[in-house]
Amino acid sequence: MGDRMPRHKRLVRRIPLVIWLTAVWVLLWGKFDAGTLFFGVVVSLLVTLLFPVPMLRTGMVLRPLPAARLVAYLAWDLVISTVRVAWQAVSHRGDAKAGIVAATLNVDSDHLIAIVASGVSLAPGKFVLQIDRANRTCYVYALGLRPGEEDSVRREMRFLERLVVDAVGSTGQRELVRGGAE
C-alpha cells in the first residue's frame, strides 16, 4: 500500500476529467444554462466515481511555456500546410508529387512518439503511415515531396519532436533531444 496515493489527491487529479465530461455534457445538450451545467457536473462526478479511470504513469511533466510554443507551432503548421495542399491541388490538378520518408526519432517513449506522430498527422499534406517501434522510425507520407527534399521532412520531424519533448518530456529526454543523437 506504500504506492497508493491519498484519496484527496486522487480526487484532485480527476478534476480535469470532470471538467471535460461536463463540457461534453453541455455540448451534447446544445445549450449553456445553470441547469445543464449543474446536471453536467453531477453526471460527470457520478461517472468518475462509479467508473474510475486508472492513473497512467507516463513520466511526462507539462511545462506551460514550451506547451504554448508547441500549440503555436501546430497552429502555424496547420495554416501553412493548408495553403500548401491548396496550392498543390490548384497548380498540379491531380498530378501532385508525393513520397514516403523514413524519419528516425531520438526518444524511446511510446507516449512521446504517439504525440509526435499525431502532431505530424494533424495538418493536411503529411501523415504517419507506420511506426517501426523497435527502430523508433516513423514512415511519413508527404504530399508535394520532390526528389531530394526528404531531409526537410526529417528536419521537421526532429523539430516537432524537440517541441513535444520540451513541452512534456522528462529532463533526460530533453537532454537527449537537444544533444541531437541521430
N, C-alpha and C. Protein backbone atom coordinates (compact mmCIF):
# COMPACT_ATOMS: atom_id res chain seq x y z
N MET A 1 0.80 -1.21 0.00
CA MET A 1 0.00 0.00 0.00
C MET A 1 0.84 1.26 0.00
N GLY A 2 2.16 1.14 0.05
CA GLY A 2 3.02 2.30 0.08
C GLY A 2 2.95 3.12 -1.19
N ASP A 3 2.53 2.49 -2.31
CA ASP A 3 2.47 3.17 -3.59
C ASP A 3 1.13 3.87 -3.82
N ARG A 4 0.18 3.65 -2.93
CA ARG A 4 -1.16 4.23 -3.11
C ARG A 4 -1.14 5.71 -2.81
N MET A 5 -1.86 6.46 -3.63
CA MET A 5 -1.98 7.91 -3.49
C MET A 5 -3.11 8.19 -2.51
N PRO A 6 -2.95 9.20 -1.64
CA PRO A 6 -4.05 9.56 -0.73
C PRO A 6 -5.32 9.89 -1.52
N ARG A 7 -6.47 9.61 -0.89
CA ARG A 7 -7.76 9.77 -1.55
C ARG A 7 -7.99 11.19 -2.07
N HIS A 8 -7.64 12.20 -1.28
CA HIS A 8 -7.89 13.57 -1.72
C HIS A 8 -7.04 13.94 -2.94
N LYS A 9 -5.84 13.40 -3.05
CA LYS A 9 -5.01 13.66 -4.23
C LYS A 9 -5.59 12.97 -5.46
N ARG A 10 -6.13 11.77 -5.27
CA ARG A 10 -6.77 11.08 -6.41
C ARG A 10 -7.95 11.88 -6.91
N LEU A 11 -8.73 12.44 -5.99
CA LEU A 11 -9.89 13.23 -6.37
C LEU A 11 -9.47 14.51 -7.10
N VAL A 12 -8.42 15.17 -6.60
CA VAL A 12 -7.94 16.40 -7.24
C VAL A 12 -7.44 16.10 -8.66
N ARG A 13 -6.80 14.95 -8.86
CA ARG A 13 -6.28 14.60 -10.18
C ARG A 13 -7.39 14.29 -11.18
N ARG A 14 -8.61 14.06 -10.68
CA ARG A 14 -9.74 13.78 -11.56
C ARG A 14 -10.49 15.04 -11.98
N ILE A 15 -10.13 16.17 -11.43
CA ILE A 15 -10.83 17.42 -11.75
C ILE A 15 -10.82 17.72 -13.25
N PRO A 16 -9.68 17.59 -13.94
CA PRO A 16 -9.72 17.86 -15.39
C PRO A 16 -10.70 16.95 -16.13
N LEU A 17 -10.80 15.68 -15.71
CA LEU A 17 -11.75 14.76 -16.35
C LEU A 17 -13.19 15.21 -16.09
N VAL A 18 -13.48 15.64 -14.87
CA VAL A 18 -14.83 16.12 -14.54
C VAL A 18 -15.16 17.36 -15.38
N ILE A 19 -14.20 18.26 -15.53
CA ILE A 19 -14.42 19.46 -16.34
C ILE A 19 -14.67 19.07 -17.80
N TRP A 20 -13.86 18.14 -18.31
CA TRP A 20 -14.02 17.70 -19.70
C TRP A 20 -15.38 17.03 -19.91
N LEU A 21 -15.76 16.13 -19.02
CA LEU A 21 -17.05 15.45 -19.15
C LEU A 21 -18.21 16.43 -19.04
N THR A 22 -18.07 17.44 -18.17
CA THR A 22 -19.10 18.46 -18.04
C THR A 22 -19.23 19.25 -19.34
N ALA A 23 -18.10 19.59 -19.93
CA ALA A 23 -18.12 20.33 -21.21
C ALA A 23 -18.79 19.50 -22.30
N VAL A 24 -18.49 18.20 -22.34
CA VAL A 24 -19.13 17.32 -23.33
C VAL A 24 -20.64 17.27 -23.08
N TRP A 25 -21.05 17.19 -21.82
CA TRP A 25 -22.47 17.16 -21.47
C TRP A 25 -23.17 18.42 -21.99
N VAL A 26 -22.57 19.58 -21.72
CA VAL A 26 -23.17 20.84 -22.15
C VAL A 26 -23.24 20.89 -23.68
N LEU A 27 -22.19 20.45 -24.35
CA LEU A 27 -22.20 20.46 -25.81
C LEU A 27 -23.26 19.50 -26.37
N LEU A 28 -23.43 18.36 -25.73
CA LEU A 28 -24.44 17.41 -26.19
C LEU A 28 -25.85 17.97 -26.05
N TRP A 29 -26.10 18.72 -24.98
CA TRP A 29 -27.42 19.31 -24.79
C TRP A 29 -27.62 20.53 -25.67
N GLY A 30 -26.53 21.14 -26.12
CA GLY A 30 -26.63 22.24 -27.06
C GLY A 30 -27.04 23.57 -26.47
N LYS A 31 -27.05 23.68 -25.16
CA LYS A 31 -27.36 24.98 -24.55
C LYS A 31 -26.58 25.10 -23.24
N PHE A 32 -26.25 26.32 -22.92
CA PHE A 32 -25.49 26.59 -21.71
C PHE A 32 -26.37 27.39 -20.76
N ASP A 33 -26.83 26.72 -19.70
CA ASP A 33 -27.57 27.41 -18.65
C ASP A 33 -27.23 26.73 -17.32
N ALA A 34 -27.74 27.26 -16.24
CA ALA A 34 -27.39 26.78 -14.90
C ALA A 34 -27.79 25.31 -14.71
N GLY A 35 -28.97 24.95 -15.18
CA GLY A 35 -29.44 23.57 -15.01
C GLY A 35 -28.58 22.56 -15.77
N THR A 36 -28.27 22.90 -17.02
CA THR A 36 -27.44 22.00 -17.83
C THR A 36 -26.05 21.85 -17.21
N LEU A 37 -25.49 22.96 -16.76
CA LEU A 37 -24.17 22.93 -16.12
C LEU A 37 -24.21 22.12 -14.83
N PHE A 38 -25.23 22.34 -13.98
CA PHE A 38 -25.35 21.62 -12.73
C PHE A 38 -25.45 20.11 -12.95
N PHE A 39 -26.35 19.71 -13.84
CA PHE A 39 -26.51 18.28 -14.08
C PHE A 39 -25.30 17.69 -14.80
N GLY A 40 -24.62 18.51 -15.59
CA GLY A 40 -23.38 18.04 -16.22
C GLY A 40 -22.33 17.71 -15.18
N VAL A 41 -22.21 18.57 -14.16
CA VAL A 41 -21.25 18.31 -13.08
C VAL A 41 -21.67 17.06 -12.30
N VAL A 42 -22.97 16.92 -12.00
CA VAL A 42 -23.46 15.76 -11.25
C VAL A 42 -23.18 14.46 -12.02
N VAL A 43 -23.52 14.44 -13.30
CA VAL A 43 -23.29 13.24 -14.11
C VAL A 43 -21.80 12.95 -14.22
N SER A 44 -20.99 13.99 -14.40
CA SER A 44 -19.53 13.79 -14.50
C SER A 44 -18.96 13.21 -13.23
N LEU A 45 -19.41 13.73 -12.09
CA LEU A 45 -18.93 13.19 -10.81
C LEU A 45 -19.35 11.74 -10.63
N LEU A 46 -20.59 11.43 -10.99
CA LEU A 46 -21.06 10.04 -10.89
C LEU A 46 -20.24 9.11 -11.79
N VAL A 47 -20.00 9.54 -13.01
CA VAL A 47 -19.24 8.71 -13.95
C VAL A 47 -17.83 8.47 -13.41
N THR A 48 -17.17 9.52 -12.92
CA THR A 48 -15.79 9.35 -12.44
C THR A 48 -15.71 8.56 -11.15
N LEU A 49 -16.76 8.60 -10.34
CA LEU A 49 -16.76 7.81 -9.11
C LEU A 49 -17.15 6.36 -9.35
N LEU A 50 -18.13 6.13 -10.22
CA LEU A 50 -18.59 4.77 -10.49
C LEU A 50 -17.67 4.00 -11.44
N PHE A 51 -17.04 4.72 -12.35
CA PHE A 51 -16.15 4.10 -13.34
C PHE A 51 -14.80 4.79 -13.32
N PRO A 52 -14.03 4.58 -12.24
CA PRO A 52 -12.75 5.29 -12.13
C PRO A 52 -11.76 4.84 -13.21
N VAL A 53 -11.11 5.83 -13.80
CA VAL A 53 -10.08 5.58 -14.80
C VAL A 53 -8.76 5.42 -14.07
N PRO A 54 -8.02 4.36 -14.34
CA PRO A 54 -6.75 4.20 -13.64
C PRO A 54 -5.78 5.31 -14.05
N MET A 55 -4.98 5.74 -13.10
CA MET A 55 -3.99 6.78 -13.37
C MET A 55 -2.83 6.17 -14.14
N LEU A 56 -2.47 6.80 -15.23
CA LEU A 56 -1.34 6.36 -16.03
C LEU A 56 -0.08 7.06 -15.54
N ARG A 57 0.96 6.32 -15.42
CA ARG A 57 2.24 6.90 -15.04
C ARG A 57 3.10 7.00 -16.30
N THR A 58 3.09 8.19 -16.88
CA THR A 58 3.81 8.40 -18.13
C THR A 58 5.17 9.03 -17.93
N GLY A 59 5.39 9.62 -16.78
CA GLY A 59 6.64 10.33 -16.54
C GLY A 59 6.67 11.69 -17.23
N MET A 60 5.55 12.09 -17.83
CA MET A 60 5.50 13.37 -18.54
C MET A 60 5.14 14.48 -17.56
N VAL A 61 5.77 15.62 -17.78
CA VAL A 61 5.52 16.80 -16.97
C VAL A 61 5.15 17.93 -17.93
N LEU A 62 3.99 18.52 -17.74
CA LEU A 62 3.56 19.61 -18.61
C LEU A 62 4.27 20.90 -18.22
N ARG A 63 4.97 21.48 -19.17
CA ARG A 63 5.63 22.78 -18.98
C ARG A 63 4.83 23.80 -19.81
N PRO A 64 4.18 24.76 -19.15
CA PRO A 64 3.26 25.65 -19.85
C PRO A 64 3.86 26.45 -21.01
N LEU A 65 5.01 27.06 -20.83
CA LEU A 65 5.58 27.88 -21.90
C LEU A 65 5.98 27.03 -23.11
N PRO A 66 6.74 25.94 -22.92
CA PRO A 66 7.02 25.09 -24.08
C PRO A 66 5.76 24.47 -24.69
N ALA A 67 4.74 24.18 -23.87
CA ALA A 67 3.48 23.65 -24.40
C ALA A 67 2.79 24.70 -25.28
N ALA A 68 2.87 25.96 -24.87
CA ALA A 68 2.29 27.04 -25.68
C ALA A 68 3.04 27.16 -27.00
N ARG A 69 4.37 27.01 -26.96
CA ARG A 69 5.16 27.03 -28.21
C ARG A 69 4.75 25.88 -29.12
N LEU A 70 4.52 24.70 -28.54
CA LEU A 70 4.09 23.54 -29.33
C LEU A 70 2.73 23.82 -29.99
N VAL A 71 1.79 24.32 -29.23
CA VAL A 71 0.46 24.62 -29.76
C VAL A 71 0.55 25.69 -30.85
N ALA A 72 1.37 26.71 -30.64
CA ALA A 72 1.53 27.76 -31.65
C ALA A 72 2.14 27.18 -32.93
N TYR A 73 3.14 26.31 -32.78
CA TYR A 73 3.74 25.69 -33.96
C TYR A 73 2.72 24.84 -34.71
N LEU A 74 1.94 24.05 -33.98
CA LEU A 74 0.94 23.19 -34.63
C LEU A 74 -0.11 24.04 -35.35
N ALA A 75 -0.52 25.15 -34.74
CA ALA A 75 -1.49 26.03 -35.39
C ALA A 75 -0.89 26.64 -36.66
N TRP A 76 0.34 27.11 -36.57
CA TRP A 76 1.02 27.69 -37.73
C TRP A 76 1.19 26.64 -38.82
N ASP A 77 1.60 25.43 -38.44
CA ASP A 77 1.79 24.35 -39.40
C ASP A 77 0.46 24.00 -40.08
N LEU A 78 -0.62 24.07 -39.33
CA LEU A 78 -1.94 23.79 -39.89
C LEU A 78 -2.28 24.79 -40.99
N VAL A 79 -2.00 26.06 -40.74
CA VAL A 79 -2.29 27.10 -41.74
C VAL A 79 -1.39 26.93 -42.96
N ILE A 80 -0.09 26.80 -42.73
CA ILE A 80 0.87 26.68 -43.84
C ILE A 80 0.59 25.42 -44.66
N SER A 81 0.32 24.31 -43.98
CA SER A 81 0.05 23.06 -44.69
C SER A 81 -1.22 23.14 -45.51
N THR A 82 -2.23 23.82 -44.99
CA THR A 82 -3.47 24.00 -45.74
C THR A 82 -3.21 24.79 -47.02
N VAL A 83 -2.40 25.83 -46.93
CA VAL A 83 -2.06 26.63 -48.11
C VAL A 83 -1.26 25.77 -49.10
N ARG A 84 -0.31 24.98 -48.60
CA ARG A 84 0.49 24.11 -49.49
C ARG A 84 -0.38 23.11 -50.23
N VAL A 85 -1.30 22.47 -49.51
CA VAL A 85 -2.17 21.47 -50.13
C VAL A 85 -3.09 22.15 -51.15
N ALA A 86 -3.61 23.32 -50.81
CA ALA A 86 -4.46 24.04 -51.76
C ALA A 86 -3.66 24.40 -53.02
N TRP A 87 -2.42 24.84 -52.84
CA TRP A 87 -1.58 25.17 -53.98
C TRP A 87 -1.30 23.93 -54.83
N GLN A 88 -1.03 22.80 -54.18
CA GLN A 88 -0.80 21.55 -54.91
C GLN A 88 -2.04 21.18 -55.73
N ALA A 89 -3.20 21.34 -55.14
CA ALA A 89 -4.44 20.98 -55.83
C ALA A 89 -4.69 21.89 -57.04
N VAL A 90 -4.40 23.17 -56.88
CA VAL A 90 -4.66 24.12 -57.96
C VAL A 90 -3.58 24.03 -59.05
N SER A 91 -2.34 23.97 -58.65
CA SER A 91 -1.26 24.04 -59.63
C SER A 91 -0.97 22.72 -60.34
N HIS A 92 -1.22 21.60 -59.68
CA HIS A 92 -0.88 20.31 -60.29
C HIS A 92 -2.09 19.53 -60.79
N ARG A 93 -3.26 19.91 -60.37
CA ARG A 93 -4.52 19.32 -60.84
C ARG A 93 -4.48 17.79 -60.95
N GLY A 94 -4.26 17.14 -59.86
CA GLY A 94 -4.29 15.69 -59.84
C GLY A 94 -2.97 15.02 -60.15
N ASP A 95 -1.95 15.80 -60.48
CA ASP A 95 -0.65 15.22 -60.79
C ASP A 95 0.40 15.66 -59.76
N ALA A 96 -0.03 15.83 -58.52
CA ALA A 96 0.89 16.27 -57.47
C ALA A 96 1.84 15.13 -57.10
N LYS A 97 3.07 15.48 -56.85
CA LYS A 97 4.07 14.51 -56.42
C LYS A 97 3.89 14.24 -54.94
N ALA A 98 4.31 13.07 -54.54
CA ALA A 98 4.26 12.70 -53.13
C ALA A 98 5.34 11.66 -52.87
N GLY A 99 5.64 11.46 -51.62
CA GLY A 99 6.65 10.47 -51.28
C GLY A 99 6.50 10.01 -49.84
N ILE A 100 7.20 8.95 -49.53
CA ILE A 100 7.22 8.41 -48.17
C ILE A 100 8.65 8.51 -47.66
N VAL A 101 8.79 9.08 -46.48
CA VAL A 101 10.11 9.32 -45.90
C VAL A 101 10.20 8.62 -44.57
N ALA A 102 11.31 7.91 -44.35
CA ALA A 102 11.58 7.28 -43.05
C ALA A 102 12.30 8.30 -42.18
N ALA A 103 11.70 8.65 -41.05
CA ALA A 103 12.30 9.62 -40.13
C ALA A 103 12.51 8.94 -38.78
N THR A 104 13.75 8.88 -38.34
CA THR A 104 14.07 8.25 -37.07
C THR A 104 14.03 9.29 -35.96
N LEU A 105 13.34 8.95 -34.88
CA LEU A 105 13.24 9.83 -33.72
C LEU A 105 14.31 9.48 -32.70
N ASN A 106 14.56 10.41 -31.80
CA ASN A 106 15.57 10.19 -30.76
C ASN A 106 14.98 9.54 -29.51
N VAL A 107 13.75 9.91 -29.16
CA VAL A 107 13.16 9.43 -27.91
C VAL A 107 12.67 7.99 -28.05
N ASP A 108 12.61 7.32 -26.93
CA ASP A 108 12.17 5.93 -26.91
C ASP A 108 10.99 5.78 -25.95
N SER A 109 9.98 6.62 -26.15
CA SER A 109 8.79 6.61 -25.30
C SER A 109 7.57 6.47 -26.19
N ASP A 110 6.75 5.47 -25.92
CA ASP A 110 5.54 5.28 -26.72
C ASP A 110 4.66 6.52 -26.72
N HIS A 111 4.53 7.15 -25.55
CA HIS A 111 3.67 8.33 -25.43
C HIS A 111 4.20 9.48 -26.29
N LEU A 112 5.49 9.74 -26.22
CA LEU A 112 6.05 10.86 -26.98
C LEU A 112 6.03 10.59 -28.48
N ILE A 113 6.33 9.36 -28.87
CA ILE A 113 6.29 9.01 -30.29
C ILE A 113 4.87 9.17 -30.82
N ALA A 114 3.88 8.77 -30.03
CA ALA A 114 2.48 8.92 -30.44
C ALA A 114 2.09 10.39 -30.57
N ILE A 115 2.58 11.23 -29.67
CA ILE A 115 2.26 12.66 -29.74
C ILE A 115 2.90 13.27 -30.98
N VAL A 116 4.15 12.91 -31.27
CA VAL A 116 4.83 13.43 -32.46
C VAL A 116 4.09 12.97 -33.72
N ALA A 117 3.74 11.69 -33.79
CA ALA A 117 3.03 11.16 -34.96
C ALA A 117 1.68 11.86 -35.13
N SER A 118 0.99 12.11 -34.04
CA SER A 118 -0.30 12.81 -34.12
C SER A 118 -0.12 14.25 -34.56
N GLY A 119 0.94 14.89 -34.07
CA GLY A 119 1.21 16.26 -34.47
C GLY A 119 1.50 16.39 -35.96
N VAL A 120 2.25 15.44 -36.50
CA VAL A 120 2.53 15.45 -37.94
C VAL A 120 1.25 15.24 -38.73
N SER A 121 0.42 14.32 -38.27
CA SER A 121 -0.79 13.96 -39.00
C SER A 121 -1.92 14.96 -38.82
N LEU A 122 -1.75 15.92 -37.93
CA LEU A 122 -2.80 16.90 -37.68
C LEU A 122 -3.05 17.80 -38.88
N ALA A 123 -2.00 18.25 -39.52
CA ALA A 123 -2.13 19.17 -40.65
C ALA A 123 -2.27 18.38 -41.95
N PRO A 124 -2.97 18.94 -42.92
CA PRO A 124 -3.12 18.23 -44.20
C PRO A 124 -1.79 18.17 -44.97
N GLY A 125 -1.66 17.12 -45.77
CA GLY A 125 -0.48 17.00 -46.63
C GLY A 125 0.58 16.07 -46.11
N LYS A 126 0.55 15.76 -44.82
CA LYS A 126 1.52 14.82 -44.24
C LYS A 126 0.80 13.98 -43.21
N PHE A 127 1.18 12.71 -43.16
CA PHE A 127 0.70 11.88 -42.06
C PHE A 127 1.62 10.68 -41.91
N VAL A 128 1.59 10.12 -40.71
CA VAL A 128 2.44 8.96 -40.41
C VAL A 128 1.69 7.71 -40.83
N LEU A 129 2.27 6.99 -41.78
CA LEU A 129 1.68 5.75 -42.28
C LEU A 129 1.92 4.59 -41.34
N GLN A 130 3.13 4.55 -40.79
CA GLN A 130 3.52 3.42 -39.96
C GLN A 130 4.60 3.85 -38.99
N ILE A 131 4.63 3.21 -37.85
CA ILE A 131 5.68 3.45 -36.87
C ILE A 131 6.41 2.13 -36.65
N ASP A 132 7.70 2.14 -36.88
CA ASP A 132 8.56 0.99 -36.57
C ASP A 132 9.07 1.22 -35.17
N ARG A 133 8.38 0.65 -34.20
CA ARG A 133 8.65 0.91 -32.78
C ARG A 133 10.07 0.50 -32.39
N ALA A 134 10.54 -0.65 -32.87
CA ALA A 134 11.86 -1.15 -32.48
C ALA A 134 12.98 -0.19 -32.89
N ASN A 135 12.81 0.45 -34.04
CA ASN A 135 13.84 1.36 -34.54
C ASN A 135 13.49 2.83 -34.36
N ARG A 136 12.37 3.12 -33.70
CA ARG A 136 11.90 4.49 -33.46
C ARG A 136 11.77 5.27 -34.77
N THR A 137 11.28 4.61 -35.79
CA THR A 137 11.17 5.22 -37.12
C THR A 137 9.71 5.43 -37.50
N CYS A 138 9.41 6.64 -37.95
CA CYS A 138 8.08 6.97 -38.47
C CYS A 138 8.19 7.05 -39.99
N TYR A 139 7.28 6.41 -40.68
CA TYR A 139 7.21 6.50 -42.13
C TYR A 139 6.15 7.55 -42.46
N VAL A 140 6.62 8.66 -42.98
CA VAL A 140 5.77 9.83 -43.19
C VAL A 140 5.44 9.98 -44.67
N TYR A 141 4.15 10.04 -44.98
CA TYR A 141 3.70 10.35 -46.34
C TYR A 141 3.67 11.87 -46.44
N ALA A 142 4.29 12.41 -47.49
CA ALA A 142 4.34 13.86 -47.67
C ALA A 142 3.88 14.22 -49.07
N LEU A 143 2.82 15.00 -49.17
CA LEU A 143 2.32 15.48 -50.44
C LEU A 143 3.21 16.62 -50.92
N GLY A 144 3.48 16.65 -52.21
CA GLY A 144 4.30 17.71 -52.78
C GLY A 144 5.79 17.50 -52.60
N LEU A 145 6.17 16.31 -52.23
CA LEU A 145 7.58 15.99 -51.99
C LEU A 145 8.28 15.74 -53.32
N ARG A 146 9.33 16.49 -53.55
CA ARG A 146 10.13 16.30 -54.76
C ARG A 146 11.41 15.57 -54.39
N PRO A 147 12.05 14.92 -55.35
CA PRO A 147 13.30 14.22 -55.07
C PRO A 147 14.33 15.18 -54.44
N GLY A 148 14.97 14.70 -53.40
CA GLY A 148 15.98 15.49 -52.71
C GLY A 148 15.45 16.28 -51.52
N GLU A 149 14.13 16.29 -51.31
CA GLU A 149 13.54 17.05 -50.20
C GLU A 149 13.25 16.18 -48.97
N GLU A 150 13.73 14.95 -48.99
CA GLU A 150 13.45 14.03 -47.89
C GLU A 150 14.01 14.55 -46.57
N ASP A 151 15.20 15.17 -46.63
CA ASP A 151 15.80 15.68 -45.39
C ASP A 151 14.98 16.79 -44.75
N SER A 152 14.25 17.55 -45.54
CA SER A 152 13.41 18.61 -44.96
C SER A 152 12.30 17.98 -44.11
N VAL A 153 11.75 16.86 -44.55
CA VAL A 153 10.73 16.16 -43.76
C VAL A 153 11.35 15.64 -42.46
N ARG A 154 12.55 15.08 -42.55
CA ARG A 154 13.23 14.58 -41.35
C ARG A 154 13.53 15.73 -40.37
N ARG A 155 13.95 16.87 -40.89
CA ARG A 155 14.23 18.03 -40.02
C ARG A 155 12.94 18.50 -39.33
N GLU A 156 11.85 18.53 -40.08
CA GLU A 156 10.57 18.92 -39.48
C GLU A 156 10.16 17.95 -38.37
N MET A 157 10.39 16.67 -38.60
CA MET A 157 10.06 15.66 -37.58
C MET A 157 10.91 15.86 -36.33
N ARG A 158 12.20 16.11 -36.50
CA ARG A 158 13.09 16.32 -35.35
C ARG A 158 12.72 17.61 -34.62
N PHE A 159 12.33 18.64 -35.37
CA PHE A 159 11.92 19.89 -34.74
C PHE A 159 10.65 19.68 -33.92
N LEU A 160 9.67 19.00 -34.49
CA LEU A 160 8.43 18.71 -33.76
C LEU A 160 8.72 17.84 -32.54
N GLU A 161 9.60 16.85 -32.71
CA GLU A 161 9.98 16.00 -31.58
C GLU A 161 10.58 16.85 -30.46
N ARG A 162 11.45 17.79 -30.80
CA ARG A 162 12.07 18.65 -29.79
C ARG A 162 11.00 19.49 -29.08
N LEU A 163 10.05 20.03 -29.84
CA LEU A 163 8.97 20.82 -29.23
C LEU A 163 8.13 19.97 -28.27
N VAL A 164 7.79 18.76 -28.70
CA VAL A 164 6.98 17.86 -27.85
C VAL A 164 7.75 17.50 -26.59
N VAL A 165 9.01 17.13 -26.74
CA VAL A 165 9.81 16.72 -25.57
C VAL A 165 10.01 17.92 -24.64
N ASP A 166 10.23 19.11 -25.18
CA ASP A 166 10.35 20.29 -24.32
C ASP A 166 9.06 20.54 -23.56
N ALA A 167 7.92 20.26 -24.19
CA ALA A 167 6.63 20.53 -23.56
C ALA A 167 6.26 19.50 -22.50
N VAL A 168 6.56 18.22 -22.74
CA VAL A 168 6.08 17.19 -21.80
C VAL A 168 7.11 16.11 -21.46
N GLY A 169 8.30 16.18 -21.99
CA GLY A 169 9.28 15.13 -21.76
C GLY A 169 10.01 15.27 -20.43
N SER A 170 10.70 14.21 -20.06
CA SER A 170 11.50 14.24 -18.83
C SER A 170 12.79 15.01 -19.09
N THR A 171 13.52 15.29 -18.03
CA THR A 171 14.78 16.02 -18.16
C THR A 171 15.76 15.23 -19.01
N GLY A 172 15.83 13.92 -18.81
CA GLY A 172 16.74 13.09 -19.60
C GLY A 172 16.37 13.09 -21.08
N GLN A 173 15.08 13.04 -21.37
CA GLN A 173 14.62 13.06 -22.76
C GLN A 173 14.93 14.42 -23.40
N ARG A 174 14.78 15.48 -22.62
CA ARG A 174 15.10 16.82 -23.15
C ARG A 174 16.58 16.92 -23.51
N GLU A 175 17.43 16.38 -22.65
CA GLU A 175 18.88 16.40 -22.92
C GLU A 175 19.20 15.56 -24.15
N LEU A 176 18.55 14.41 -24.29
CA LEU A 176 18.78 13.54 -25.44
C LEU A 176 18.43 14.24 -26.74
N VAL A 177 17.27 14.88 -26.77
CA VAL A 177 16.80 15.53 -28.00
C VAL A 177 17.65 16.76 -28.31
N ARG A 178 18.02 17.49 -27.30
CA ARG A 178 18.84 18.69 -27.52
C ARG A 178 20.25 18.31 -27.94
N GLY A 179 20.71 17.13 -27.49
CA GLY A 179 22.03 16.66 -27.89
C GLY A 179 22.05 16.25 -29.34
N GLY A 180 20.87 15.94 -29.89
CA GLY A 180 20.74 15.64 -31.31
C GLY A 180 21.25 14.28 -31.69
N ALA A 181 21.19 13.30 -30.78
CA ALA A 181 21.61 11.95 -31.14
C ALA A 181 20.75 11.46 -32.28
N GLU A 182 21.38 11.06 -33.35
CA GLU A 182 20.62 10.62 -34.51
C GLU A 182 20.95 9.20 -34.74
